Amino acid sequence: SVAMDVLRHRIILTYEAEAEEKTTEDIIKEILQTIKVP
């Protein structure tokens, strides 16, 4: 999806996310799952 390319460089991981070994892609997927498609 275009959202991944658009948002990837805008996400800065917290130390907590890094400790949980999450990637920016993981965070974006979590965000996109909470948004309803119009």
Foldseek 3Di string as FASTA:
>chain_A
DVQCVVCQVVDDDDVVCVVVVHHSVNVSVVVVVVDDDD
